[in-house]
Amino acid sequence: MRKWSTRAIGLACSATALLVACGGGASGTNALSPFPQGSQTVEPSGTRIDVSALNIFPFAGGDSITYDRFSGGVANGTVIRVVTVAPNTTHFFMVTETDSTVTAPAVSTYVVSSSGTQEDVQLQDPLGLNASAPGVASMLSVLEEYEAPLFPVGGARSVQAQGDLGADADGDGKSDSFQFQYTQVFQGFESIAILGATRQLAHFTNTVSFTLRYTSGRADLTVSSTEDTYFAPGVGLVRRDSGAVLQNGAAVQAAYSIQARSATVGGITYP
């Protein structure tokens, strides 16, 4: 949920910053036990879809896409995503996203590997918590953000991790616990006019949530969001509809969309 910093989709606040950056903890109390340590990935059944000939997840140093940004259907800015290759590597990529409505750019690190029809796009440190919440880092150091061959249309792939936060978020001197949930559904291919042509775009719906459970008995605090992403063959991400970021159901960051205006990917310029 976007955005794609707590970059795993759209979570605007990292766990150890929730009390400050997101305006304090939830009201109320609970007597719930800490989240037990554990993780699981659930994949949908059915025949997977080979997209190796389409190159929908291209990564190359120098790739750049400029997007128009919209809020409430009204253009309100520009977003630019630039790919660089990490020094002395061939499969570590840095994606810098600059949003004209945000002060600082967001930098995400991806490891991209491919073999035959298989391609894995892994987001490193997806919640930006490796340094401040070692418990999260030990359970969720990487997130398989996209995976090919694609799973059947409508099938949900989910990743869950939970356990000790490795940090004291409520100031009572005890480490709190967390639960993370990421769900992705491939919606199929859609014919959409973009970058000067009508293209068949791979459409995904991604939902993410992060819950803090406090040892002090304060009520759980959950931050969640949903985004829809669209990938064009040979270009990559050309559209992203980012839902509002919710804190315990209340919006703390407004929904917005980005749509590609121009791109240079793999040495080819669009449109």
C-alpha atoms as a PDB file:
ATOM      1  CA  MET A   1       0.000   0.000   0.000  1.00  0.00           C
ATOM      2  CA  ARG A   2       2.360   2.301  -1.544  1.00  0.00           C
ATOM      3  CA  LYS A   3       4.165   4.507  -0.464  1.00  0.00           C
ATOM      4  CA  TRP A   4       5.638   1.255  -2.662  1.00  0.00           C
ATOM      5  CA  SER A   5       9.763   4.914   4.580  1.00  0.00           C
ATOM      6  CA  THR A   6       7.412   2.311   5.563  1.00  0.00           C
ATOM      7  CA  ARG A   7       7.250   1.266   1.963  1.00  0.00           C
ATOM      8  CA  ALA A   8       5.257  -1.942   2.174  1.00  0.00           C
ATOM      9  CA  ILE A   9       2.311  -0.545   0.321  1.00  0.00           C
ATOM     10  CA  GLY A  10       1.126   2.618   2.015  1.00  0.00           C
ATOM     11  CA  LEU A  11       1.952   2.426   5.698  1.00  0.00           C
ATOM     12  CA  ALA A  12       2.926   5.957   6.637  1.00  0.00           C
ATOM     13  CA  CYS A  13       4.461   5.248  10.043  1.00  0.00           C
ATOM     14  CA  SER A  14       7.003   2.697  11.213  1.00  0.00           C
ATOM     15  CA  ALA A  15       6.191   0.744  14.344  1.00  0.00           C
ATOM     16  CA  THR A  16       8.504   2.547  16.717  1.00  0.00           C
ATOM     17  CA  ALA A  17       7.305   5.939  15.386  1.00  0.00           C
ATOM     18  CA  LEU A  18       3.585   5.216  15.630  1.00  0.00           C
ATOM     19  CA  LEU A  19       3.075   6.986  18.937  1.00  0.00           C
ATOM     20  CA  VAL A  20       4.757  10.158  17.740  1.00  0.00           C
ATOM     21  CA  ALA A  21       4.278  10.402  13.977  1.00  0.00           C
ATOM     22  CA  CYS A  22       0.765   9.025  13.974  1.00  0.00           C
ATOM     23  CA  GLY A  23      -0.580  11.053  16.830  1.00  0.00           C
ATOM     24  CA  GLY A  24      -0.420   8.782  19.850  1.00  0.00           C
ATOM     25  CA  GLY A  25      -1.653   5.362  20.808  1.00  0.00           C
ATOM     26  CA  ALA A  26      -5.152   3.999  20.610  1.00  0.00           C
ATOM     27  CA  SER A  27      -7.588   4.770  23.392  1.00  0.00           C
ATOM     28  CA  GLY A  28      -8.974   2.044  25.609  1.00  0.00           C
ATOM     29  CA  THR A  29      -7.356  -1.015  27.115  1.00  0.00           C
ATOM     30  CA  ASN A  30      -7.127  -4.724  26.496  1.00  0.00           C
ATOM     31  CA  ALA A  31      -5.948  -7.792  28.313  1.00  0.00           C
ATOM     32  CA  LEU A  32      -4.812  -9.674  25.223  1.00  0.00           C
ATOM     33  CA  SER A  33      -1.702 -11.835  25.241  1.00  0.00           C
ATOM     34  CA  PRO A  34       1.270 -10.792  23.099  1.00  0.00           C
ATOM     35  CA  PHE A  35       1.249 -12.087  19.537  1.00  0.00           C
ATOM     36  CA  PRO A  36       2.999 -15.487  19.501  1.00  0.00           C
ATOM     37  CA  GLN A  37       6.114 -15.857  17.399  1.00  0.00           C
ATOM     38  CA  GLY A  38       5.428 -17.275  13.946  1.00  0.00           C
ATOM     39  CA  SER A  39       5.132 -16.720  10.218  1.00  0.00           C
ATOM     40  CA  GLN A  40       3.406 -18.312   7.272  1.00  0.00           C
ATOM     41  CA  THR A  41       2.874 -17.858   3.550  1.00  0.00           C
ATOM     42  CA  VAL A  42      -0.300 -19.146   1.914  1.00  0.00           C
ATOM     43  CA  GLU A  43      -0.447 -19.509  -1.863  1.00  0.00           C
ATOM     44  CA  PRO A  44      -3.588 -20.092  -3.938  1.00  0.00           C
ATOM     45  CA  SER A  45      -4.020 -23.362  -5.780  1.00  0.00           C
ATOM     46  CA  GLY A  46      -4.393 -23.652  -9.527  1.00  0.00           C
ATOM     47  CA  THR A  47      -2.306 -23.271 -12.668  1.00  0.00           C
ATOM     48  CA  ARG A  48       0.081 -20.362 -12.569  1.00  0.00           C
ATOM     49  CA  ILE A  49       0.471 -17.924 -15.461  1.00  0.00           C
ATOM     50  CA  ASP A  50       3.768 -17.689 -17.351  1.00  0.00           C
ATOM     51  CA  VAL A  51       4.585 -14.035 -18.079  1.00  0.00           C
ATOM     52  CA  SER A  52       8.303 -14.465 -18.713  1.00  0.00           C
ATOM     53  CA  ALA A  53       7.937 -13.219 -22.309  1.00  0.00           C
ATOM     54  CA  LEU A  54       6.200 -10.019 -21.191  1.00  0.00           C
ATOM     55  CA  ASN A  55       8.898  -8.534 -18.934  1.00  0.00           C
ATOM     56  CA  ILE A  56       6.380  -6.835 -16.645  1.00  0.00           C
ATOM     57  CA  PHE A  57       8.903  -6.380 -13.810  1.00  0.00           C
ATOM     58  CA  PRO A  58      11.902  -4.796 -15.568  1.00  0.00           C
ATOM     59  CA  PHE A  59      14.745  -3.489 -13.404  1.00  0.00           C
ATOM     60  CA  ALA A  60      17.822  -1.829 -14.913  1.00  0.00           C
ATOM     61  CA  GLY A  61      20.088   0.940 -13.775  1.00  0.00           C
ATOM     62  CA  GLY A  62      19.008   4.236 -15.286  1.00  0.00           C
ATOM     63  CA  ASP A  63      15.340   3.315 -15.710  1.00  0.00           C
ATOM     64  CA  SER A  64      13.131   6.307 -14.955  1.00  0.00           C
ATOM     65  CA  ILE A  65       9.373   6.859 -15.014  1.00  0.00           C
ATOM     66  CA  THR A  66       7.593  10.175 -14.486  1.00  0.00           C
ATOM     67  CA  TYR A  67       4.003  10.049 -13.234  1.00  0.00           C
ATOM     68  CA  ASP A  68       1.189  12.533 -12.865  1.00  0.00           C
ATOM     69  CA  ARG A  69      -0.183  12.494  -9.332  1.00  0.00           C
ATOM     70  CA  PHE A  70      -3.914  12.765  -8.655  1.00  0.00           C
ATOM     71  CA  SER A  71      -5.923  13.267  -5.478  1.00  0.00           C
ATOM     72  CA  GLY A  72      -9.693  13.092  -5.686  1.00  0.00           C
ATOM     73  CA  GLY A  73      -9.388  12.939  -9.467  1.00  0.00           C
ATOM     74  CA  VAL A  74      -7.529  16.275  -9.602  1.00  0.00           C
ATOM     75  CA  ALA A  75      -3.887  16.508 -10.650  1.00  0.00           C
ATOM     76  CA  ASN A  76      -1.845  17.782  -7.728  1.00  0.00           C
ATOM     77  CA  GLY A  77       1.779  16.871  -8.370  1.00  0.00           C
ATOM     78  CA  THR A  78       4.438  14.764 -10.003  1.00  0.00           C
ATOM     79  CA  VAL A  79       6.095  11.525  -8.916  1.00  0.00           C
ATOM     80  CA  ILE A  80       9.391  10.279 -10.362  1.00  0.00           C
ATOM     81  CA  ARG A  81      10.811   6.790  -9.840  1.00  0.00           C
ATOM     82  CA  VAL A  82      14.461   6.169 -10.729  1.00  0.00           C
ATOM     83  CA  VAL A  83      16.285   2.832 -10.604  1.00  0.00           C
ATOM     84  CA  THR A  84      19.972   2.536  -9.759  1.00  0.00           C
ATOM     85  CA  VAL A  85      22.091  -0.573  -9.294  1.00  0.00           C
ATOM     86  CA  ALA A  86      23.658  -1.025  -5.881  1.00  0.00           C
ATOM     87  CA  PRO A  87      27.481  -0.843  -6.044  1.00  0.00           C
ATOM     88  CA  ASN A  88      29.304  -4.089  -6.888  1.00  0.00           C
ATOM     89  CA  THR A  89      26.103  -6.038  -7.463  1.00  0.00           C
ATOM     90  CA  THR A  90      24.026  -7.192 -10.415  1.00  0.00           C
ATOM     91  CA  HIS A  91      20.675  -7.933  -8.770  1.00  0.00           C
ATOM     92  CA  PHE A  92      20.334  -5.342  -5.982  1.00  0.00           C
ATOM     93  CA  PHE A  93      18.379  -2.296  -7.151  1.00  0.00           C
ATOM     94  CA  MET A  94      17.664   0.992  -5.421  1.00  0.00           C
ATOM     95  CA  VAL A  95      14.365   2.633  -6.366  1.00  0.00           C
ATOM     96  CA  THR A  96      14.166   6.306  -5.426  1.00  0.00           C
ATOM     97  CA  GLU A  97      10.653   7.746  -5.523  1.00  0.00           C
ATOM     98  CA  THR A  98      10.364  11.527  -5.413  1.00  0.00           C
ATOM     99  CA  ASP A  99       6.894  12.934  -4.786  1.00  0.00           C
ATOM    100  CA  SER A 100       6.474  16.682  -5.318  1.00  0.00           C
ATOM    101  CA  THR A 101       3.958  16.787  -2.455  1.00  0.00           C
ATOM    102  CA  VAL A 102       6.341  15.142   0.043  1.00  0.00           C
ATOM    103  CA  THR A 103       9.498  16.697   1.499  1.00  0.00           C
ATOM    104  CA  ALA A 104      11.881  13.727   1.315  1.00  0.00           C
ATOM    105  CA  PRO A 105      12.210  11.015  -1.329  1.00  0.00           C
ATOM    106  CA  ALA A 106      11.526   7.387  -0.437  1.00  0.00           C
ATOM    107  CA  VAL A 107      14.263   4.893  -1.240  1.00  0.00           C
ATOM    108  CA  SER A 108      13.487   1.185  -1.491  1.00  0.00           C
ATOM    109  CA  THR A 109      15.904  -1.693  -2.078  1.00  0.00           C
ATOM    110  CA  TYR A 110      14.875  -4.659  -4.201  1.00  0.00           C
ATOM    111  CA  VAL A 111      16.535  -7.959  -4.971  1.00  0.00           C
ATOM    112  CA  VAL A 112      15.364  -9.242  -8.329  1.00  0.00           C
ATOM    113  CA  SER A 113      16.173 -12.762  -9.461  1.00  0.00           C
ATOM    114  CA  SER A 114      15.021 -14.709 -12.489  1.00  0.00           C
ATOM    115  CA  SER A 115      15.548 -18.179 -13.901  1.00  0.00           C
ATOM    116  CA  GLY A 116      13.525 -19.477 -16.827  1.00  0.00           C
ATOM    117  CA  THR A 117       9.891 -18.600 -16.167  1.00  0.00           C
ATOM    118  CA  GLN A 118      10.548 -17.799 -12.496  1.00  0.00           C
ATOM    119  CA  GLU A 119      11.012 -14.222 -11.318  1.00  0.00           C
ATOM    120  CA  ASP A 120      11.073 -12.946  -7.744  1.00  0.00           C
ATOM    121  CA  VAL A 121      10.875  -9.280  -6.754  1.00  0.00           C
ATOM    122  CA  GLN A 122      11.861  -9.006  -3.097  1.00  0.00           C
ATOM    123  CA  LEU A 123      11.527  -5.782  -1.127  1.00  0.00           C
ATOM    124  CA  GLN A 124      14.248  -5.488   1.487  1.00  0.00           C
ATOM    125  CA  ASP A 125      13.343  -4.182   4.968  1.00  0.00           C
ATOM    126  CA  PRO A 126       9.720  -3.640   3.860  1.00  0.00           C
ATOM    127  CA  LEU A 127       8.658  -1.732   6.975  1.00  0.00           C
ATOM    128  CA  GLY A 128      11.832   0.280   7.435  1.00  0.00           C
ATOM    129  CA  LEU A 129      12.285  -1.274  10.878  1.00  0.00           C
ATOM    130  CA  ASN A 130      15.459  -3.355  10.618  1.00  0.00           C
ATOM    131  CA  ALA A 131      17.406  -0.868  12.725  1.00  0.00           C
ATOM    132  CA  SER A 132      14.781   0.191  15.274  1.00  0.00           C
ATOM    133  CA  ALA A 133      12.773  -3.020  15.794  1.00  0.00           C
ATOM    134  CA  PRO A 134      15.053  -6.046  15.543  1.00  0.00           C
ATOM    135  CA  GLY A 135      12.186  -8.404  16.304  1.00  0.00           C
ATOM    136  CA  VAL A 136      10.480  -7.343  13.090  1.00  0.00           C
ATOM    137  CA  ALA A 137      13.764  -7.582  11.192  1.00  0.00           C
ATOM    138  CA  SER A 138      14.255 -11.175  12.297  1.00  0.00           C
ATOM    139  CA  MET A 139      10.775 -12.185  11.126  1.00  0.00           C
ATOM    140  CA  LEU A 140      10.355  -9.951   8.073  1.00  0.00           C
ATOM    141  CA  SER A 141      13.715  -8.873   6.670  1.00  0.00           C
ATOM    142  CA  VAL A 142      12.374  -9.220   3.111  1.00  0.00           C
ATOM    143  CA  LEU A 143       8.934  -9.336   1.498  1.00  0.00           C
ATOM    144  CA  GLU A 144       8.209 -11.233  -1.708  1.00  0.00           C
ATOM    145  CA  GLU A 145       6.323  -8.307  -3.205  1.00  0.00           C
ATOM    146  CA  TYR A 146       5.773  -9.869  -6.647  1.00  0.00           C
ATOM    147  CA  GLU A 147       6.344 -13.371  -7.925  1.00  0.00           C
ATOM    148  CA  ALA A 148       6.099 -14.982 -11.348  1.00  0.00           C
ATOM    149  CA  PRO A 149       4.702 -17.136 -12.829  1.00  0.00           C
ATOM    150  CA  LEU A 150       1.661 -15.248 -11.589  1.00  0.00           C
ATOM    151  CA  PHE A 151      -0.903 -16.969  -9.412  1.00  0.00           C
ATOM    152  CA  PRO A 152      -4.378 -17.699 -10.823  1.00  0.00           C
ATOM    153  CA  VAL A 153      -6.696 -14.724 -11.321  1.00  0.00           C
ATOM    154  CA  GLY A 154      -8.652 -14.005  -8.139  1.00  0.00           C
ATOM    155  CA  GLY A 155      -6.498 -16.208  -5.916  1.00  0.00           C
ATOM    156  CA  ALA A 156      -5.088 -14.618  -2.749  1.00  0.00           C
ATOM    157  CA  ARG A 157      -1.440 -15.002  -1.763  1.00  0.00           C
ATOM    158  CA  SER A 158      -0.819 -13.969   1.836  1.00  0.00           C
ATOM    159  CA  VAL A 159       2.231 -13.434   4.018  1.00  0.00           C
ATOM    160  CA  GLN A 160       1.925 -13.154   7.776  1.00  0.00           C
ATOM    161  CA  ALA A 161       4.585 -12.554  10.390  1.00  0.00           C
ATOM    162  CA  GLN A 162       4.148 -11.846  14.090  1.00  0.00           C
ATOM    163  CA  GLY A 163       5.933 -11.961  17.391  1.00  0.00           C
ATOM    164  CA  ASP A 164       8.183  -9.870  19.608  1.00  0.00           C
ATOM    165  CA  LEU A 165       8.783  -6.320  18.344  1.00  0.00           C
ATOM    166  CA  GLY A 166      12.224  -6.085  19.890  1.00  0.00           C
ATOM    167  CA  ALA A 167      11.401  -2.527  20.979  1.00  0.00           C
ATOM    168  CA  ASP A 168       9.402  -0.699  23.636  1.00  0.00           C
ATOM    169  CA  ALA A 169       6.774   1.360  21.798  1.00  0.00           C
ATOM    170  CA  ASP A 170       4.662   2.370  24.816  1.00  0.00           C
ATOM    171  CA  GLY A 171       7.431   3.353  27.218  1.00  0.00           C
ATOM    172  CA  ASP A 172       6.737   0.831  29.972  1.00  0.00           C
ATOM    173  CA  GLY A 173      10.190  -0.738  29.772  1.00  0.00           C
ATOM    174  CA  LYS A 174       8.974  -3.938  28.091  1.00  0.00           C
ATOM    175  CA  SER A 175       9.205  -5.075  24.492  1.00  0.00           C
ATOM    176  CA  ASP A 176       5.851  -5.053  22.710  1.00  0.00           C
ATOM    177  CA  SER A 177       4.606  -7.402  19.981  1.00  0.00           C
ATOM    178  CA  PHE A 178       3.441  -7.010  16.400  1.00  0.00           C
ATOM    179  CA  GLN A 179       1.481  -8.680  13.632  1.00  0.00           C
ATOM    180  CA  PHE A 180       2.026  -8.034   9.912  1.00  0.00           C
ATOM    181  CA  GLN A 181      -0.273  -9.203   7.102  1.00  0.00           C
ATOM    182  CA  TYR A 182       0.248  -8.794   3.354  1.00  0.00           C
ATOM    183  CA  THR A 183      -2.293 -10.108   0.853  1.00  0.00           C
ATOM    184  CA  GLN A 184      -2.021  -9.930  -2.921  1.00  0.00           C
ATOM    185  CA  VAL A 185      -4.605 -10.829  -5.560  1.00  0.00           C
ATOM    186  CA  PHE A 186      -3.839 -10.891  -9.285  1.00  0.00           C
ATOM    187  CA  GLN A 187      -6.925  -9.417 -10.959  1.00  0.00           C
ATOM    188  CA  GLY A 188      -5.942 -10.322 -14.527  1.00  0.00           C
ATOM    189  CA  PHE A 189      -4.931  -8.263 -17.562  1.00  0.00           C
ATOM    190  CA  GLU A 190      -6.784  -5.072 -18.445  1.00  0.00           C
ATOM    191  CA  SER A 191      -6.667  -3.030 -21.641  1.00  0.00           C
ATOM    192  CA  ILE A 192      -5.800   0.558 -20.664  1.00  0.00           C
ATOM    193  CA  ALA A 193      -4.580   3.536 -22.702  1.00  0.00           C
ATOM    194  CA  ILE A 194      -1.338   4.823 -21.218  1.00  0.00           C
ATOM    195  CA  LEU A 195       1.987   6.182 -22.483  1.00  0.00           C
ATOM    196  CA  GLY A 196       0.531   6.895 -25.896  1.00  0.00           C
ATOM    197  CA  ALA A 197      -0.849   3.417 -26.589  1.00  0.00           C
ATOM    198  CA  THR A 198      -3.434   0.913 -25.449  1.00  0.00           C
ATOM    199  CA  ARG A 199      -1.607  -1.705 -23.419  1.00  0.00           C
ATOM    200  CA  GLN A 200      -2.489  -4.925 -21.642  1.00  0.00           C
ATOM    201  CA  LEU A 201      -1.696  -4.206 -18.005  1.00  0.00           C
ATOM    202  CA  ALA A 202      -1.259  -6.779 -15.249  1.00  0.00           C
ATOM    203  CA  HIS A 203      -3.461  -5.612 -12.356  1.00  0.00           C
ATOM    204  CA  PHE A 204      -2.769  -6.501  -8.715  1.00  0.00           C
ATOM    205  CA  THR A 205      -4.595  -5.591  -5.501  1.00  0.00           C
ATOM    206  CA  ASN A 206      -2.281  -5.460  -2.483  1.00  0.00           C
ATOM    207  CA  THR A 207      -3.480  -5.098   1.093  1.00  0.00           C
ATOM    208  CA  VAL A 208      -1.205  -4.614   4.087  1.00  0.00           C
ATOM    209  CA  SER A 209      -1.743  -4.169   7.806  1.00  0.00           C
ATOM    210  CA  PHE A 210       0.569  -3.747  10.783  1.00  0.00           C
ATOM    211  CA  THR A 211      -0.676  -4.088  14.354  1.00  0.00           C
ATOM    212  CA  LEU A 212       1.135  -3.129  17.543  1.00  0.00           C
ATOM    213  CA  ARG A 213       0.085  -4.863  20.756  1.00  0.00           C
ATOM    214  CA  TYR A 214       1.312  -3.109  23.881  1.00  0.00           C
ATOM    215  CA  THR A 215       2.480  -4.761  27.091  1.00  0.00           C
ATOM    216  CA  SER A 216       1.010  -1.847  29.060  1.00  0.00           C
ATOM    217  CA  GLY A 217      -2.522  -3.018  28.207  1.00  0.00           C
ATOM    218  CA  ARG A 218      -3.256  -0.114  25.892  1.00  0.00           C
ATOM    219  CA  ALA A 219      -5.590  -1.045  23.033  1.00  0.00           C
ATOM    220  CA  ASP A 220      -4.021  -2.446  19.862  1.00  0.00           C
ATOM    221  CA  LEU A 221      -2.968   0.071  17.211  1.00  0.00           C
ATOM    222  CA  THR A 222      -3.434  -1.042  13.584  1.00  0.00           C
ATOM    223  CA  VAL A 223      -2.266   0.792  10.484  1.00  0.00           C
ATOM    224  CA  SER A 224      -3.573  -0.550   7.165  1.00  0.00           C
ATOM    225  CA  SER A 225      -3.951   0.305   3.503  1.00  0.00           C
ATOM    226  CA  THR A 226      -4.805  -1.150   0.102  1.00  0.00           C
ATOM    227  CA  GLU A 227      -3.366  -0.313  -3.303  1.00  0.00           C
ATOM    228  CA  ASP A 228      -3.996  -1.371  -6.873  1.00  0.00           C
ATOM    229  CA  THR A 229      -0.938  -1.587  -9.114  1.00  0.00           C
ATOM    230  CA  TYR A 230      -0.744  -1.932 -12.891  1.00  0.00           C
ATOM    231  CA  PHE A 231       2.292  -3.178 -14.823  1.00  0.00           C
ATOM    232  CA  ALA A 232       2.897  -2.781 -18.558  1.00  0.00           C
ATOM    233  CA  PRO A 233       5.069  -5.199 -20.540  1.00  0.00           C
ATOM    234  CA  GLY A 234       8.568  -3.815 -20.992  1.00  0.00           C
ATOM    235  CA  VAL A 235       7.836  -0.777 -18.820  1.00  0.00           C
ATOM    236  CA  GLY A 236       6.852  -1.962 -15.352  1.00  0.00           C
ATOM    237  CA  LEU A 237       4.720   0.035 -12.920  1.00  0.00           C
ATOM    238  CA  VAL A 238       2.618   2.520 -14.927  1.00  0.00           C
ATOM    239  CA  ARG A 239      -0.250   3.170 -12.541  1.00  0.00           C
ATOM    240  CA  ARG A 240      -0.823   2.916  -8.813  1.00  0.00           C
ATOM    241  CA  ASP A 241      -4.055   3.676  -6.981  1.00  0.00           C
ATOM    242  CA  SER A 242      -3.133   4.062  -3.329  1.00  0.00           C
ATOM    243  CA  GLY A 243      -5.980   3.833  -0.850  1.00  0.00           C
ATOM    244  CA  ALA A 244      -6.144   5.905   2.283  1.00  0.00           C
ATOM    245  CA  VAL A 245      -3.850   4.872   5.114  1.00  0.00           C
ATOM    246  CA  LEU A 246      -6.029   3.965   8.068  1.00  0.00           C
ATOM    247  CA  GLN A 247      -5.157   4.049  11.754  1.00  0.00           C
ATOM    248  CA  ASN A 248      -7.671   1.905  13.640  1.00  0.00           C
ATOM    249  CA  GLY A 249     -10.112   2.571  10.805  1.00  0.00           C
ATOM    250  CA  ALA A 250      -9.656   6.349  10.660  1.00  0.00           C
ATOM    251  CA  ALA A 251      -7.868   7.895   7.664  1.00  0.00           C
ATOM    252  CA  VAL A 252      -4.498   9.470   8.498  1.00  0.00           C
ATOM    253  CA  GLN A 253      -3.254   9.776   4.918  1.00  0.00           C
ATOM    254  CA  ALA A 254      -5.491  10.533   1.938  1.00  0.00           C
ATOM    255  CA  ALA A 255      -5.887   8.273  -1.067  1.00  0.00           C
ATOM    256  CA  TYR A 256      -4.086   9.238  -4.260  1.00  0.00           C
ATOM    257  CA  SER A 257      -3.122   7.822  -7.654  1.00  0.00           C
ATOM    258  CA  ILE A 258      -0.159   8.055  -9.992  1.00  0.00           C
ATOM    259  CA  GLN A 259      -0.210   7.436 -13.739  1.00  0.00           C
ATOM    260  CA  ALA A 260       2.816   7.272 -16.025  1.00  0.00           C
ATOM    261  CA  ARG A 261       3.346  10.325 -18.245  1.00  0.00           C
ATOM    262  CA  SER A 262       6.711   9.365 -19.731  1.00  0.00           C
ATOM    263  CA  ALA A 263       9.338   6.686 -19.223  1.00  0.00           C
ATOM    264  CA  THR A 264      12.794   5.517 -20.221  1.00  0.00           C
ATOM    265  CA  VAL A 265      13.140   1.804 -19.478  1.00  0.00           C
ATOM    266  CA  GLY A 266      15.807  -0.521 -20.830  1.00  0.00           C
ATOM    267  CA  GLY A 267      17.031   2.255 -23.105  1.00  0.00           C
ATOM    268  CA  ILE A 268      13.592   2.741 -24.731  1.00  0.00           C
ATOM    269  CA  THR A 269      11.691   6.004 -24.329  1.00  0.00           C
ATOM    270  CA  TYR A 270       7.894   6.119 -23.980  1.00  0.00           C
ATOM    271  CA  PRO A 271       5.620   7.417 -25.394  1.00  0.00           C
END
